[in-house]
Structures are given as structure tokens and as C-alpha cells.
Protein backbone atom coordinates (compact mmCIF):
# COMPACT_ATOMS: atom_id res chain seq x y z
CA LEU A 1 0.05 0.37 -0.08
CA ASN A 2 0.70 3.36 -0.92
CA PRO A 3 1.05 5.39 2.51
CA LEU A 4 1.15 8.58 1.76
CA ARG A 5 -2.24 7.78 -0.91
CA ASN A 6 -3.62 5.62 2.28
CA GLU A 7 -4.08 6.77 5.73
CA SER A 8 -6.05 4.57 7.16
CA ILE A 9 -7.54 1.20 7.03
CA VAL A 10 -11.09 3.08 7.05
CA ASP A 11 -9.71 4.83 3.92
CA THR A 12 -8.18 1.77 2.26
CA THR A 13 -12.27 0.59 2.85
CA ARG A 14 -13.61 4.24 1.62
CA SER A 15 -11.46 4.19 -1.20
CA LEU A 16 -12.29 0.28 -2.30
CA LEU A 17 -15.62 0.44 -1.84
CA LYS A 18 -15.52 3.79 -4.59
CA GLU A 19 -13.25 1.52 -6.60
CA GLY A 20 -15.80 -1.70 -6.59
CA GLY A 21 -18.70 -1.23 -4.10
CA ILE A 22 -19.24 -3.87 -1.63
CA ARG A 23 -18.30 -6.54 -4.34
CA ARG A 24 -14.30 -5.74 -4.70
CA LEU A 25 -13.70 -6.21 -0.48
CA TYR A 26 -15.26 -10.30 -1.66
CA ARG A 27 -12.44 -10.37 -4.63
CA GLY A 28 -10.67 -13.92 -4.31
CA LEU A 29 -13.01 -15.23 -1.09
CA LEU A 30 -14.44 -17.86 -3.65
CA PRO A 31 -10.66 -19.61 -4.60
CA GLU A 32 -9.32 -18.72 -1.24
CA ILE A 33 -12.49 -21.04 0.24
CA VAL A 34 -12.95 -23.91 -2.78
CA GLY A 35 -8.86 -23.41 -2.60
CA MET A 36 -8.85 -24.73 1.48
CA SER A 37 -11.66 -26.07 1.73
CA PRO A 38 -10.06 -30.15 0.89
CA THR A 39 -7.83 -29.56 3.05
CA ARG A 40 -9.65 -28.39 6.69
CA SER A 41 -11.74 -31.33 5.80
CA ALA A 42 -9.26 -33.99 5.46
CA MET A 43 -7.97 -32.35 8.81
CA TYR A 44 -10.59 -32.71 10.08
CA ALA A 45 -11.56 -36.40 8.86
CA GLY A 46 -7.69 -37.22 10.40
CA PHE A 47 -8.94 -35.93 13.68
CA ASP A 48 -11.85 -37.64 13.97
CA MET A 49 -10.35 -41.26 12.66
CA SER A 50 -7.67 -39.90 15.88
CA LYS A 51 -9.75 -40.05 18.34
CA ASN A 52 -12.22 -42.92 17.71
CA PHE A 53 -8.53 -45.50 17.10
CA LEU A 54 -7.11 -43.89 20.11
CA CYS A 55 -10.59 -43.73 22.53
CA LYS A 56 -12.43 -46.92 21.23
CA ASN A 57 -12.46 -48.34 25.34
CA SER A 58 -14.18 -45.36 26.87
CA THR A 59 -18.06 -45.10 26.16
CA PRO A 60 -19.27 -42.00 24.18
CA VAL A 61 -20.53 -39.44 26.77
CA PRO A 62 -23.66 -37.32 25.35
CA LEU A 63 -22.19 -33.32 24.51
CA SER A 64 -24.77 -31.99 26.30
CA GLU A 65 -23.54 -33.85 29.55
CA ARG A 66 -19.93 -32.97 28.82
CA TRP A 67 -20.94 -29.02 28.11
CA VAL A 68 -23.16 -28.95 31.15
CA CYS A 69 -20.76 -30.11 33.75
CA PRO A 70 -17.30 -31.14 31.62
CA ARG A 71 -15.51 -30.93 35.91
CA ALA A 72 -18.48 -34.26 36.78
CA HIS A 73 -17.54 -36.26 34.12
CA GLU A 74 -14.20 -36.19 33.76
CA ARG A 75 -14.04 -37.17 38.20
CA GLU A 76 -16.74 -40.26 37.04
CA ARG A 77 -14.60 -41.33 34.09
CA ALA A 78 -11.07 -40.88 35.96
CA ARG A 79 -13.33 -43.25 38.67
CA GLU A 80 -14.75 -45.66 36.09
CA ARG A 81 -10.89 -46.24 35.16
CA ALA A 82 -9.49 -47.18 38.59
CA HIS A 83 -12.26 -49.77 38.94
CA LYS A 84 -11.75 -51.61 35.84
CA ARG A 85 -8.19 -51.26 36.80
């Protein structure tokens, strides 16, 4: 950016809006999303597969239970692990 022409981000945004309207702000967004989608999908799939592999013996816990009382859930799981030994 030319510091003499654009003094702040507000000025830059105004000049972009004057040049091409609101579409100018989103130019290049679609190729970025299309390019990142396979990468992110692979990352989440790998995370899910590794989580399932590493947690084979554990029982699934509903998400609501983990949100409502996470500490109680952790204590209960620790007791279950100690009891199994």
C-alpha cells in the first residue's frame, strides 16, 4: 500500500468501496474457500479418525453432558478407570 494515499484502514476501505462497490471487498474469497475446503476436510477427517482410534475403549458421552458439568464428568471417568484396574 502507498502510505501517502491510504492513511488508515478506514480510508482504504472507502477507496475500495468507491472503486468497485461491496463486491470489491470479497474479490478472491471464492477461490480461497475452494482451495482450503479439501485441506480443512482432510484435517477434520484425520482428527475424527484418530480420536476414534485412540478412544476405542471409552464410552461415548453426550455433548450436552460434557458442556453442563465437565468437571463432574472427568471425575466420573477417573473413577471408572480406577475401578476397571
